[in-house]
Amino acid sequence: MADHHRPGAPGLPATAYAVLGLLSFGRELTGYDLRKWSMNMRFFYWSPAQSQVYSELRRLLAQGYISERQETQRGSQTKRYYRITDTGVAALRAWLSRDEVDPPVIKHSVMLRLFFGHQADPEELHHALHGYLSWLREQRADLGEVGRGLLPDFRYPHLVAVWGQAYYAAETAAVEAVLAELDRLRPPAAGAPAPPGPQDH
């Protein structure tokens, strides 16, 4: 997703706002906690590496958008906890209140393969689409489980889960329709009788 900045708006990439947003639920979180929480956003936006989470935390800390508390654990290990500051809340709200909304960028590898299907083996295309169907069903099941765990504390993330369920259901229906069309494009198997023509009636 592109990150366009309005004059006067905080200049942060969208991933930094995602970390701010996770901290805006009011809990003090470690970098590891943030990584776990961010995995719930993999269904629609972001699945960061742990190193990316820490990179964004350093950026936000330097700009005063979050605070850090260190706690010494057994073995002299230091655990760092992060909390959003009032400045960070203001920056997040400024980003959320922008008038422009960037449309999603679709990079659909299965559609791309289908687009050049005239050069592909029909059976391989079917295999790719059926594999994608299996993935969609897994995503719907996982998202349903996540969505059930969001209530009653996280109402707005739950709405995103509802949206995601509808999205994956529509995508499943679209792939099934494409598979039906592919079946009609398939040449008849060797030795199979040809469909009757007008002269056969």
N, C-alpha and C. Protein backbone atom coordinates (compact mmCIF):
# COMPACT_ATOMS: atom_id res chain seq x y z
N MET A 1 0.85 -1.19 0.00
CA MET A 1 0.00 0.00 0.00
C MET A 1 0.88 1.23 0.00
N ALA A 2 0.63 2.16 -0.92
CA ALA A 2 1.41 3.39 -0.96
C ALA A 2 1.10 4.23 0.26
N ASP A 3 2.08 5.05 0.64
CA ASP A 3 1.87 5.88 1.82
C ASP A 3 2.07 7.33 1.42
N HIS A 4 1.00 8.04 1.03
CA HIS A 4 1.07 9.42 0.61
C HIS A 4 0.89 10.30 1.84
N HIS A 5 1.67 11.36 1.93
CA HIS A 5 1.65 12.20 3.12
C HIS A 5 1.03 13.55 2.80
N ARG A 6 0.04 13.95 3.54
CA ARG A 6 -0.56 15.25 3.44
C ARG A 6 0.32 16.24 4.19
N PRO A 7 0.47 17.50 3.68
CA PRO A 7 1.28 18.47 4.41
C PRO A 7 0.82 18.59 5.86
N GLY A 8 1.76 18.53 6.77
CA GLY A 8 1.44 18.64 8.19
C GLY A 8 1.15 17.31 8.86
N ALA A 9 0.95 16.25 8.06
CA ALA A 9 0.70 14.93 8.64
C ALA A 9 2.02 14.26 8.98
N PRO A 10 2.05 13.42 10.03
CA PRO A 10 3.30 12.76 10.40
C PRO A 10 3.81 11.90 9.25
N GLY A 11 5.11 12.02 8.94
CA GLY A 11 5.68 11.27 7.82
C GLY A 11 6.16 9.91 8.22
N LEU A 12 5.29 8.94 8.27
CA LEU A 12 5.63 7.58 8.64
C LEU A 12 5.13 6.63 7.57
N PRO A 13 5.80 5.51 7.37
CA PRO A 13 5.26 4.48 6.48
C PRO A 13 4.06 3.79 7.14
N ALA A 14 3.26 3.13 6.32
CA ALA A 14 2.05 2.49 6.84
C ALA A 14 2.37 1.43 7.88
N THR A 15 3.51 0.74 7.74
CA THR A 15 3.86 -0.29 8.72
C THR A 15 4.08 0.30 10.11
N ALA A 16 4.61 1.52 10.17
CA ALA A 16 4.80 2.17 11.46
C ALA A 16 3.45 2.51 12.09
N TYR A 17 2.51 2.96 11.26
CA TYR A 17 1.17 3.23 11.78
C TYR A 17 0.50 1.95 12.26
N ALA A 18 0.80 0.84 11.61
CA ALA A 18 0.24 -0.43 12.05
C ALA A 18 0.73 -0.78 13.46
N VAL A 19 2.01 -0.55 13.73
CA VAL A 19 2.54 -0.80 15.06
C VAL A 19 1.91 0.16 16.07
N LEU A 20 1.79 1.44 15.70
CA LEU A 20 1.11 2.40 16.57
C LEU A 20 -0.31 1.95 16.87
N GLY A 21 -1.00 1.48 15.83
CA GLY A 21 -2.38 1.04 16.00
C GLY A 21 -2.49 -0.12 16.98
N LEU A 22 -1.56 -1.06 16.88
CA LEU A 22 -1.59 -2.19 17.81
C LEU A 22 -1.37 -1.73 19.24
N LEU A 23 -0.51 -0.75 19.42
CA LEU A 23 -0.27 -0.23 20.77
C LEU A 23 -1.41 0.64 21.26
N SER A 24 -2.26 1.13 20.34
CA SER A 24 -3.35 2.04 20.74
C SER A 24 -4.48 1.32 21.46
N PHE A 25 -4.45 -0.02 21.51
CA PHE A 25 -5.47 -0.73 22.27
C PHE A 25 -5.24 -0.59 23.77
N GLY A 26 -4.17 0.08 24.15
CA GLY A 26 -3.98 0.45 25.55
C GLY A 26 -3.14 -0.50 26.37
N ARG A 27 -2.57 -1.50 25.72
CA ARG A 27 -1.77 -2.46 26.47
C ARG A 27 -0.28 -2.20 26.26
N GLU A 28 0.48 -2.49 27.27
CA GLU A 28 1.94 -2.40 27.18
C GLU A 28 2.43 -3.72 26.59
N LEU A 29 3.17 -3.64 25.48
CA LEU A 29 3.54 -4.84 24.74
C LEU A 29 5.04 -4.88 24.47
N THR A 30 5.57 -6.08 24.42
CA THR A 30 6.95 -6.27 23.99
C THR A 30 6.98 -6.37 22.47
N GLY A 31 8.19 -6.35 21.89
CA GLY A 31 8.31 -6.55 20.45
C GLY A 31 7.78 -7.91 20.04
N TYR A 32 8.00 -8.92 20.88
CA TYR A 32 7.50 -10.26 20.58
C TYR A 32 5.98 -10.28 20.60
N ASP A 33 5.38 -9.58 21.59
CA ASP A 33 3.92 -9.49 21.65
C ASP A 33 3.36 -8.84 20.38
N LEU A 34 4.01 -7.77 19.94
CA LEU A 34 3.55 -7.06 18.75
C LEU A 34 3.61 -7.95 17.52
N ARG A 35 4.66 -8.73 17.42
CA ARG A 35 4.77 -9.67 16.29
C ARG A 35 3.60 -10.66 16.32
N LYS A 36 3.27 -11.19 17.48
CA LYS A 36 2.16 -12.13 17.59
C LYS A 36 0.83 -11.47 17.23
N TRP A 37 0.62 -10.26 17.75
CA TRP A 37 -0.62 -9.55 17.47
C TRP A 37 -0.73 -9.22 15.98
N SER A 38 0.39 -8.84 15.38
CA SER A 38 0.35 -8.44 13.97
C SER A 38 0.00 -9.62 13.06
N MET A 39 0.22 -10.84 13.51
CA MET A 39 -0.11 -12.00 12.69
C MET A 39 -1.60 -12.08 12.40
N ASN A 40 -2.43 -11.47 13.27
CA ASN A 40 -3.86 -11.44 13.00
C ASN A 40 -4.20 -10.53 11.82
N MET A 41 -3.25 -9.68 11.40
CA MET A 41 -3.49 -8.82 10.25
C MET A 41 -3.03 -9.45 8.95
N ARG A 42 -2.47 -10.66 9.01
CA ARG A 42 -1.97 -11.30 7.80
C ARG A 42 -3.08 -11.60 6.80
N PHE A 43 -4.32 -11.66 7.28
CA PHE A 43 -5.43 -11.99 6.39
C PHE A 43 -5.75 -10.86 5.42
N PHE A 44 -5.30 -9.65 5.73
CA PHE A 44 -5.69 -8.54 4.86
C PHE A 44 -4.58 -7.53 4.58
N TYR A 45 -3.47 -7.56 5.36
CA TYR A 45 -2.49 -6.52 5.09
C TYR A 45 -1.04 -6.93 5.31
N TRP A 46 -0.68 -7.38 6.49
CA TRP A 46 0.72 -7.33 6.91
C TRP A 46 1.09 -8.54 7.73
N SER A 47 2.19 -9.14 7.40
CA SER A 47 2.73 -10.22 8.21
C SER A 47 4.24 -9.97 8.35
N PRO A 48 4.63 -9.14 9.32
CA PRO A 48 6.02 -8.66 9.38
C PRO A 48 6.98 -9.68 9.97
N ALA A 49 8.23 -9.52 9.60
CA ALA A 49 9.29 -10.25 10.29
C ALA A 49 9.54 -9.58 11.64
N GLN A 50 10.09 -10.34 12.57
CA GLN A 50 10.38 -9.78 13.90
C GLN A 50 11.33 -8.58 13.78
N SER A 51 12.29 -8.67 12.85
CA SER A 51 13.25 -7.57 12.68
C SER A 51 12.55 -6.30 12.21
N GLN A 52 11.50 -6.45 11.39
CA GLN A 52 10.77 -5.27 10.92
C GLN A 52 10.00 -4.61 12.06
N VAL A 53 9.45 -5.43 12.96
CA VAL A 53 8.75 -4.88 14.12
C VAL A 53 9.71 -4.03 14.95
N TYR A 54 10.91 -4.55 15.22
CA TYR A 54 11.88 -3.81 16.03
C TYR A 54 12.37 -2.56 15.31
N SER A 55 12.48 -2.64 13.99
CA SER A 55 12.88 -1.46 13.22
C SER A 55 11.86 -0.33 13.36
N GLU A 56 10.57 -0.70 13.29
CA GLU A 56 9.52 0.31 13.45
C GLU A 56 9.47 0.84 14.88
N LEU A 57 9.72 -0.02 15.86
CA LEU A 57 9.74 0.43 17.25
C LEU A 57 10.85 1.46 17.47
N ARG A 58 12.01 1.23 16.87
CA ARG A 58 13.11 2.19 17.01
C ARG A 58 12.73 3.54 16.38
N ARG A 59 12.08 3.47 15.22
CA ARG A 59 11.66 4.70 14.54
C ARG A 59 10.66 5.48 15.40
N LEU A 60 9.66 4.77 15.92
CA LEU A 60 8.61 5.42 16.72
C LEU A 60 9.15 5.96 18.03
N LEU A 61 10.09 5.24 18.63
CA LEU A 61 10.70 5.68 19.88
C LEU A 61 11.50 6.97 19.65
N ALA A 62 12.23 7.02 18.54
CA ALA A 62 13.04 8.21 18.24
C ALA A 62 12.19 9.44 18.02
N GLN A 63 10.96 9.25 17.53
CA GLN A 63 10.09 10.39 17.26
C GLN A 63 9.15 10.70 18.43
N GLY A 64 9.27 9.94 19.52
CA GLY A 64 8.47 10.22 20.69
C GLY A 64 7.04 9.73 20.62
N TYR A 65 6.75 8.85 19.66
CA TYR A 65 5.39 8.34 19.51
C TYR A 65 5.10 7.17 20.44
N ILE A 66 6.14 6.56 20.98
CA ILE A 66 5.97 5.49 21.95
C ILE A 66 7.00 5.69 23.06
N SER A 67 6.75 5.07 24.21
CA SER A 67 7.72 5.07 25.31
C SER A 67 8.17 3.64 25.55
N GLU A 68 9.32 3.51 26.19
CA GLU A 68 9.90 2.20 26.46
C GLU A 68 10.16 2.05 27.95
N ARG A 69 9.83 0.89 28.47
CA ARG A 69 10.15 0.57 29.86
C ARG A 69 10.96 -0.71 29.87
N GLN A 70 12.08 -0.69 30.55
CA GLN A 70 12.95 -1.86 30.60
C GLN A 70 12.81 -2.56 31.95
N GLU A 71 12.82 -3.87 31.87
CA GLU A 71 12.67 -4.68 33.08
C GLU A 71 13.73 -5.78 33.05
N THR A 72 14.51 -5.85 34.11
CA THR A 72 15.57 -6.86 34.18
C THR A 72 14.98 -8.19 34.63
N GLN A 73 15.23 -9.21 33.83
CA GLN A 73 14.74 -10.55 34.13
C GLN A 73 15.83 -11.36 34.83
N ARG A 74 15.47 -12.54 35.22
CA ARG A 74 16.47 -13.44 35.80
C ARG A 74 17.54 -13.73 34.75
N GLY A 75 18.78 -13.81 35.18
CA GLY A 75 19.87 -14.02 34.24
C GLY A 75 20.36 -12.72 33.64
N SER A 76 19.94 -11.58 34.22
CA SER A 76 20.36 -10.25 33.78
C SER A 76 19.87 -9.90 32.38
N GLN A 77 18.87 -10.60 31.87
CA GLN A 77 18.30 -10.25 30.58
C GLN A 77 17.34 -9.08 30.76
N THR A 78 17.32 -8.20 29.77
CA THR A 78 16.46 -7.03 29.82
C THR A 78 15.28 -7.21 28.87
N LYS A 79 14.09 -7.03 29.42
CA LYS A 79 12.89 -7.11 28.61
C LYS A 79 12.35 -5.71 28.42
N ARG A 80 12.00 -5.37 27.19
CA ARG A 80 11.55 -4.03 26.86
C ARG A 80 10.06 -4.03 26.56
N TYR A 81 9.34 -3.15 27.23
CA TYR A 81 7.90 -2.99 27.04
C TYR A 81 7.63 -1.63 26.40
N TYR A 82 6.66 -1.60 25.48
CA TYR A 82 6.37 -0.37 24.75
C TYR A 82 4.91 0.04 24.96
N ARG A 83 4.72 1.36 25.01
CA ARG A 83 3.38 1.92 25.18
C ARG A 83 3.27 3.16 24.30
N ILE A 84 2.11 3.38 23.71
CA ILE A 84 1.90 4.56 22.88
C ILE A 84 1.80 5.80 23.76
N THR A 85 2.37 6.93 23.28
CA THR A 85 2.28 8.19 24.00
C THR A 85 1.12 9.03 23.46
N ASP A 86 0.82 10.12 24.12
CA ASP A 86 -0.23 11.03 23.63
C ASP A 86 0.13 11.56 22.24
N THR A 87 1.41 11.82 22.02
CA THR A 87 1.86 12.28 20.70
C THR A 87 1.63 11.19 19.65
N GLY A 88 1.87 9.96 20.04
CA GLY A 88 1.63 8.84 19.13
C GLY A 88 0.16 8.67 18.80
N VAL A 89 -0.70 8.84 19.80
CA VAL A 89 -2.16 8.75 19.56
C VAL A 89 -2.58 9.84 18.58
N ALA A 90 -2.04 11.06 18.76
CA ALA A 90 -2.38 12.17 17.86
C ALA A 90 -1.92 11.87 16.44
N ALA A 91 -0.72 11.30 16.30
CA ALA A 91 -0.20 10.96 14.97
C ALA A 91 -1.07 9.88 14.31
N LEU A 92 -1.47 8.88 15.09
CA LEU A 92 -2.31 7.82 14.55
C LEU A 92 -3.66 8.37 14.10
N ARG A 93 -4.26 9.23 14.93
CA ARG A 93 -5.56 9.80 14.58
C ARG A 93 -5.47 10.70 13.36
N ALA A 94 -4.36 11.43 13.21
CA ALA A 94 -4.17 12.27 12.03
C ALA A 94 -4.11 11.42 10.77
N TRP A 95 -3.44 10.27 10.86
CA TRP A 95 -3.35 9.35 9.72
C TRP A 95 -4.71 8.75 9.39
N LEU A 96 -5.46 8.37 10.42
CA LEU A 96 -6.77 7.75 10.21
C LEU A 96 -7.79 8.74 9.66
N SER A 97 -7.58 10.03 9.91
CA SER A 97 -8.58 11.02 9.50
C SER A 97 -8.32 11.60 8.12
N ARG A 98 -7.30 11.13 7.43
CA ARG A 98 -7.02 11.63 6.09
C ARG A 98 -8.20 11.34 5.16
N ASP A 99 -8.44 12.27 4.24
CA ASP A 99 -9.55 12.10 3.31
C ASP A 99 -9.25 11.02 2.28
N GLU A 100 -8.02 11.00 1.77
CA GLU A 100 -7.69 10.05 0.70
C GLU A 100 -7.47 8.65 1.28
N VAL A 101 -7.91 7.66 0.54
CA VAL A 101 -7.70 6.26 0.93
C VAL A 101 -7.02 5.57 -0.25
N ASP A 102 -5.87 4.99 0.00
CA ASP A 102 -5.16 4.30 -1.07
C ASP A 102 -5.87 2.99 -1.41
N PRO A 103 -6.17 2.77 -2.70
CA PRO A 103 -6.79 1.49 -3.07
C PRO A 103 -5.80 0.35 -2.87
N PRO A 104 -6.29 -0.85 -2.60
CA PRO A 104 -5.37 -1.98 -2.42
C PRO A 104 -4.68 -2.33 -3.73
N VAL A 105 -3.44 -2.76 -3.62
CA VAL A 105 -2.66 -3.20 -4.78
C VAL A 105 -2.73 -4.72 -4.84
N ILE A 106 -3.30 -5.23 -5.93
CA ILE A 106 -3.47 -6.68 -6.06
C ILE A 106 -2.32 -7.27 -6.88
N LYS A 107 -1.63 -8.23 -6.30
CA LYS A 107 -0.61 -9.00 -7.02
C LYS A 107 -1.01 -10.46 -6.90
N HIS A 108 -1.85 -10.91 -7.82
CA HIS A 108 -2.49 -12.21 -7.72
C HIS A 108 -1.76 -13.20 -8.63
N SER A 109 -0.87 -14.00 -8.05
CA SER A 109 -0.04 -14.89 -8.86
C SER A 109 -0.85 -15.95 -9.58
N VAL A 110 -1.97 -16.38 -8.98
CA VAL A 110 -2.80 -17.40 -9.64
C VAL A 110 -3.50 -16.80 -10.86
N MET A 111 -4.02 -15.58 -10.72
CA MET A 111 -4.62 -14.90 -11.88
C MET A 111 -3.59 -14.68 -12.98
N LEU A 112 -2.36 -14.32 -12.61
CA LEU A 112 -1.32 -14.09 -13.59
C LEU A 112 -1.03 -15.35 -14.38
N ARG A 113 -0.98 -16.48 -13.70
CA ARG A 113 -0.74 -17.75 -14.38
C ARG A 113 -1.91 -18.08 -15.31
N LEU A 114 -3.12 -17.83 -14.85
CA LEU A 114 -4.29 -18.10 -15.68
C LEU A 114 -4.32 -17.19 -16.91
N PHE A 115 -3.87 -15.95 -16.75
CA PHE A 115 -3.87 -14.98 -17.85
C PHE A 115 -3.07 -15.51 -19.04
N PHE A 116 -1.99 -16.23 -18.75
CA PHE A 116 -1.15 -16.80 -19.80
C PHE A 116 -1.44 -18.29 -19.98
N GLY A 117 -2.67 -18.67 -19.70
CA GLY A 117 -3.05 -20.07 -19.74
C GLY A 117 -2.93 -20.72 -21.11
N HIS A 118 -2.90 -19.92 -22.19
CA HIS A 118 -2.78 -20.50 -23.53
C HIS A 118 -1.44 -21.21 -23.72
N GLN A 119 -0.48 -20.90 -22.83
CA GLN A 119 0.83 -21.56 -22.90
C GLN A 119 0.99 -22.63 -21.82
N ALA A 120 -0.03 -22.86 -21.05
CA ALA A 120 0.08 -23.79 -19.91
C ALA A 120 -0.61 -25.10 -20.23
N ASP A 121 -0.21 -26.11 -19.49
CA ASP A 121 -0.90 -27.39 -19.57
C ASP A 121 -2.22 -27.25 -18.81
N PRO A 122 -3.36 -27.63 -19.44
CA PRO A 122 -4.66 -27.48 -18.76
C PRO A 122 -4.72 -28.16 -17.41
N GLU A 123 -4.09 -29.33 -17.30
CA GLU A 123 -4.11 -30.04 -16.03
C GLU A 123 -3.34 -29.28 -14.95
N GLU A 124 -2.25 -28.63 -15.36
CA GLU A 124 -1.49 -27.84 -14.39
C GLU A 124 -2.28 -26.63 -13.92
N LEU A 125 -3.05 -26.03 -14.82
CA LEU A 125 -3.90 -24.91 -14.43
C LEU A 125 -4.95 -25.37 -13.42
N HIS A 126 -5.55 -26.52 -13.70
CA HIS A 126 -6.54 -27.05 -12.76
C HIS A 126 -5.89 -27.33 -11.40
N HIS A 127 -4.71 -27.87 -11.44
CA HIS A 127 -4.01 -28.17 -10.19
C HIS A 127 -3.74 -26.89 -9.40
N ALA A 128 -3.30 -25.83 -10.09
CA ALA A 128 -3.01 -24.56 -9.42
C ALA A 128 -4.27 -23.97 -8.81
N LEU A 129 -5.37 -24.01 -9.54
CA LEU A 129 -6.62 -23.44 -9.04
C LEU A 129 -7.18 -24.24 -7.87
N HIS A 130 -7.08 -25.55 -7.95
CA HIS A 130 -7.56 -26.37 -6.83
C HIS A 130 -6.68 -26.17 -5.59
N GLY A 131 -5.39 -25.99 -5.81
CA GLY A 131 -4.51 -25.68 -4.68
C GLY A 131 -4.88 -24.36 -4.03
N TYR A 132 -5.22 -23.39 -4.87
CA TYR A 132 -5.64 -22.08 -4.34
C TYR A 132 -6.95 -22.20 -3.57
N LEU A 133 -7.86 -23.02 -4.08
CA LEU A 133 -9.13 -23.26 -3.37
C LEU A 133 -8.87 -23.83 -1.97
N SER A 134 -7.95 -24.77 -1.89
CA SER A 134 -7.63 -25.37 -0.59
C SER A 134 -7.09 -24.31 0.36
N TRP A 135 -6.23 -23.43 -0.16
CA TRP A 135 -5.67 -22.36 0.66
C TRP A 135 -6.77 -21.42 1.14
N LEU A 136 -7.70 -21.07 0.25
CA LEU A 136 -8.80 -20.19 0.63
C LEU A 136 -9.63 -20.80 1.75
N ARG A 137 -9.90 -22.08 1.67
CA ARG A 137 -10.69 -22.74 2.72
C ARG A 137 -9.95 -22.73 4.05
N GLU A 138 -8.64 -22.92 4.00
CA GLU A 138 -7.85 -22.85 5.23
C GLU A 138 -7.89 -21.45 5.83
N GLN A 139 -7.77 -20.43 4.95
CA GLN A 139 -7.81 -19.06 5.42
C GLN A 139 -9.15 -18.74 6.08
N ARG A 140 -10.24 -19.18 5.47
CA ARG A 140 -11.57 -18.93 6.04
C ARG A 140 -11.71 -19.59 7.40
N ALA A 141 -11.21 -20.81 7.52
CA ALA A 141 -11.30 -21.51 8.81
C ALA A 141 -10.46 -20.81 9.87
N ASP A 142 -9.22 -20.42 9.50
CA ASP A 142 -8.35 -19.72 10.45
C ASP A 142 -8.95 -18.38 10.86
N LEU A 143 -9.47 -17.64 9.87
CA LEU A 143 -10.03 -16.33 10.17
C LEU A 143 -11.28 -16.44 11.04
N GLY A 144 -12.07 -17.48 10.82
CA GLY A 144 -13.24 -17.69 11.66
C GLY A 144 -12.85 -17.91 13.11
N GLU A 145 -11.77 -18.67 13.31
CA GLU A 145 -11.29 -18.92 14.68
C GLU A 145 -10.78 -17.63 15.31
N VAL A 146 -10.02 -16.85 14.55
CA VAL A 146 -9.51 -15.58 15.05
C VAL A 146 -10.66 -14.63 15.38
N GLY A 147 -11.63 -14.55 14.47
CA GLY A 147 -12.77 -13.64 14.67
C GLY A 147 -13.55 -13.95 15.94
N ARG A 148 -13.74 -15.23 16.22
CA ARG A 148 -14.48 -15.61 17.43
C ARG A 148 -13.75 -15.19 18.70
N GLY A 149 -12.42 -15.12 18.63
CA GLY A 149 -11.66 -14.75 19.80
C GLY A 149 -11.54 -13.24 20.01
N LEU A 150 -12.05 -12.45 19.07
CA LEU A 150 -11.91 -11.00 19.17
C LEU A 150 -12.98 -10.34 20.02
N LEU A 151 -14.14 -10.98 20.11
CA LEU A 151 -15.22 -10.40 20.91
C LEU A 151 -15.13 -10.88 22.36
N PRO A 152 -15.51 -10.03 23.32
CA PRO A 152 -16.14 -8.71 23.16
C PRO A 152 -15.17 -7.54 23.18
N ASP A 153 -13.85 -7.79 23.33
CA ASP A 153 -12.92 -6.69 23.57
C ASP A 153 -12.54 -5.91 22.32
N PHE A 154 -12.51 -6.58 21.18
CA PHE A 154 -11.99 -5.95 19.96
C PHE A 154 -13.07 -5.93 18.89
N ARG A 155 -14.00 -4.98 19.01
CA ARG A 155 -15.16 -4.96 18.12
C ARG A 155 -14.79 -4.61 16.68
N TYR A 156 -13.91 -3.62 16.51
CA TYR A 156 -13.57 -3.19 15.15
C TYR A 156 -12.72 -4.23 14.43
N PRO A 157 -11.71 -4.82 15.07
CA PRO A 157 -11.03 -5.94 14.42
C PRO A 157 -11.98 -7.09 14.07
N HIS A 158 -13.00 -7.30 14.91
CA HIS A 158 -13.99 -8.34 14.59
C HIS A 158 -14.73 -8.01 13.30
N LEU A 159 -15.04 -6.72 13.07
CA LEU A 159 -15.69 -6.33 11.82
C LEU A 159 -14.79 -6.62 10.63
N VAL A 160 -13.48 -6.45 10.80
CA VAL A 160 -12.56 -6.78 9.72
C VAL A 160 -12.57 -8.29 9.46
N ALA A 161 -12.70 -9.07 10.52
CA ALA A 161 -12.79 -10.53 10.36
C ALA A 161 -14.06 -10.90 9.59
N VAL A 162 -15.17 -10.22 9.88
CA VAL A 162 -16.41 -10.45 9.13
C VAL A 162 -16.20 -10.12 7.66
N TRP A 163 -15.57 -8.99 7.40
CA TRP A 163 -15.26 -8.58 6.02
C TRP A 163 -14.38 -9.64 5.34
N GLY A 164 -13.37 -10.09 6.06
CA GLY A 164 -12.47 -11.09 5.50
C GLY A 164 -13.18 -12.39 5.16
N GLN A 165 -14.09 -12.82 6.01
CA GLN A 165 -14.84 -14.03 5.73
C GLN A 165 -15.65 -13.88 4.44
N ALA A 166 -16.28 -12.71 4.27
CA ALA A 166 -17.06 -12.46 3.06
C ALA A 166 -16.15 -12.41 1.84
N TYR A 167 -14.97 -11.81 2.00
CA TYR A 167 -14.01 -11.72 0.89
C TYR A 167 -13.58 -13.12 0.43
N TYR A 168 -13.18 -13.96 1.38
CA TYR A 168 -12.71 -15.30 1.02
C TYR A 168 -13.84 -16.15 0.45
N ALA A 169 -15.06 -15.93 0.92
CA ALA A 169 -16.20 -16.66 0.37
C ALA A 169 -16.43 -16.26 -1.08
N ALA A 170 -16.34 -14.95 -1.37
CA ALA A 170 -16.52 -14.47 -2.74
C ALA A 170 -15.39 -14.96 -3.64
N GLU A 171 -14.18 -14.95 -3.13
CA GLU A 171 -13.05 -15.44 -3.92
C GLU A 171 -13.19 -16.93 -4.21
N THR A 172 -13.69 -17.69 -3.24
CA THR A 172 -13.93 -19.12 -3.45
C THR A 172 -14.95 -19.33 -4.56
N ALA A 173 -16.04 -18.58 -4.52
CA ALA A 173 -17.08 -18.70 -5.55
C ALA A 173 -16.53 -18.33 -6.92
N ALA A 174 -15.67 -17.31 -6.98
CA ALA A 174 -15.10 -16.89 -8.26
C ALA A 174 -14.19 -17.97 -8.84
N VAL A 175 -13.36 -18.59 -8.00
CA VAL A 175 -12.46 -19.64 -8.47
C VAL A 175 -13.26 -20.85 -8.94
N GLU A 176 -14.32 -21.19 -8.22
CA GLU A 176 -15.16 -22.33 -8.64
C GLU A 176 -15.82 -22.04 -9.99
N ALA A 177 -16.22 -20.79 -10.23
CA ALA A 177 -16.81 -20.42 -11.52
C ALA A 177 -15.77 -20.52 -12.64
N VAL A 178 -14.54 -20.08 -12.35
CA VAL A 178 -13.47 -20.17 -13.35
C VAL A 178 -13.15 -21.64 -13.66
N LEU A 179 -13.14 -22.48 -12.64
CA LEU A 179 -12.90 -23.91 -12.87
C LEU A 179 -13.97 -24.51 -13.77
N ALA A 180 -15.22 -24.11 -13.58
CA ALA A 180 -16.29 -24.60 -14.44
C ALA A 180 -16.08 -24.17 -15.88
N GLU A 181 -15.62 -22.92 -16.08
CA GLU A 181 -15.32 -22.44 -17.43
C GLU A 181 -14.14 -23.21 -18.03
N LEU A 182 -13.14 -23.49 -17.22
CA LEU A 182 -11.99 -24.26 -17.71
C LEU A 182 -12.40 -25.64 -18.18
N ASP A 183 -13.33 -26.26 -17.46
CA ASP A 183 -13.81 -27.58 -17.85
C ASP A 183 -14.44 -27.54 -19.24
N ARG A 184 -15.12 -26.43 -19.54
CA ARG A 184 -15.74 -26.32 -20.87
C ARG A 184 -14.71 -26.09 -21.96
N LEU A 185 -13.55 -25.53 -21.59
CA LEU A 185 -12.49 -25.30 -22.58
C LEU A 185 -11.62 -26.52 -22.82
N ARG A 186 -11.72 -27.49 -21.93
CA ARG A 186 -10.88 -28.68 -22.05
C ARG A 186 -11.21 -29.45 -23.34
N PRO A 187 -10.19 -29.91 -24.08
CA PRO A 187 -10.46 -30.77 -25.23
C PRO A 187 -10.97 -32.12 -24.75
N PRO A 188 -11.83 -32.79 -25.52
CA PRO A 188 -12.31 -34.11 -25.09
C PRO A 188 -11.17 -35.09 -24.98
N ALA A 189 -11.27 -36.00 -24.03
CA ALA A 189 -10.23 -37.01 -23.83
C ALA A 189 -10.15 -37.90 -25.05
N ALA A 190 -8.94 -38.44 -25.30
CA ALA A 190 -8.72 -39.31 -26.45
C ALA A 190 -9.67 -40.50 -26.39
N GLY A 191 -10.33 -40.78 -27.48
CA GLY A 191 -11.26 -41.90 -27.55
C GLY A 191 -12.65 -41.58 -27.07
N ALA A 192 -12.87 -40.39 -26.53
CA ALA A 192 -14.19 -40.03 -26.04
C ALA A 192 -15.07 -39.64 -27.23
N PRO A 193 -16.33 -40.00 -27.21
CA PRO A 193 -17.21 -39.65 -28.33
C PRO A 193 -17.39 -38.14 -28.43
N ALA A 194 -17.42 -37.67 -29.66
CA ALA A 194 -17.61 -36.23 -29.87
C ALA A 194 -19.03 -35.85 -29.53
N PRO A 195 -19.27 -34.63 -29.05
CA PRO A 195 -20.63 -34.22 -28.74
C PRO A 195 -21.46 -34.17 -30.02
N PRO A 196 -22.73 -34.48 -29.93
CA PRO A 196 -23.58 -34.54 -31.13
C PRO A 196 -23.68 -33.17 -31.79
N GLY A 197 -23.61 -33.14 -33.10
CA GLY A 197 -23.78 -31.91 -33.86
C GLY A 197 -25.18 -31.82 -34.44
N PRO A 198 -25.47 -30.73 -35.14
CA PRO A 198 -26.84 -30.56 -35.69
C PRO A 198 -27.24 -31.69 -36.63
N GLN A 199 -26.22 -32.26 -37.37
CA GLN A 199 -26.56 -33.33 -38.33
C GLN A 199 -26.96 -34.62 -37.66
N ASP A 200 -26.72 -34.74 -36.34
CA ASP A 200 -27.03 -35.99 -35.64
C ASP A 200 -28.46 -36.03 -35.15
N HIS A 201 -29.18 -34.91 -35.24
CA HIS A 201 -30.55 -34.89 -34.73
C HIS A 201 -31.51 -35.44 -35.78
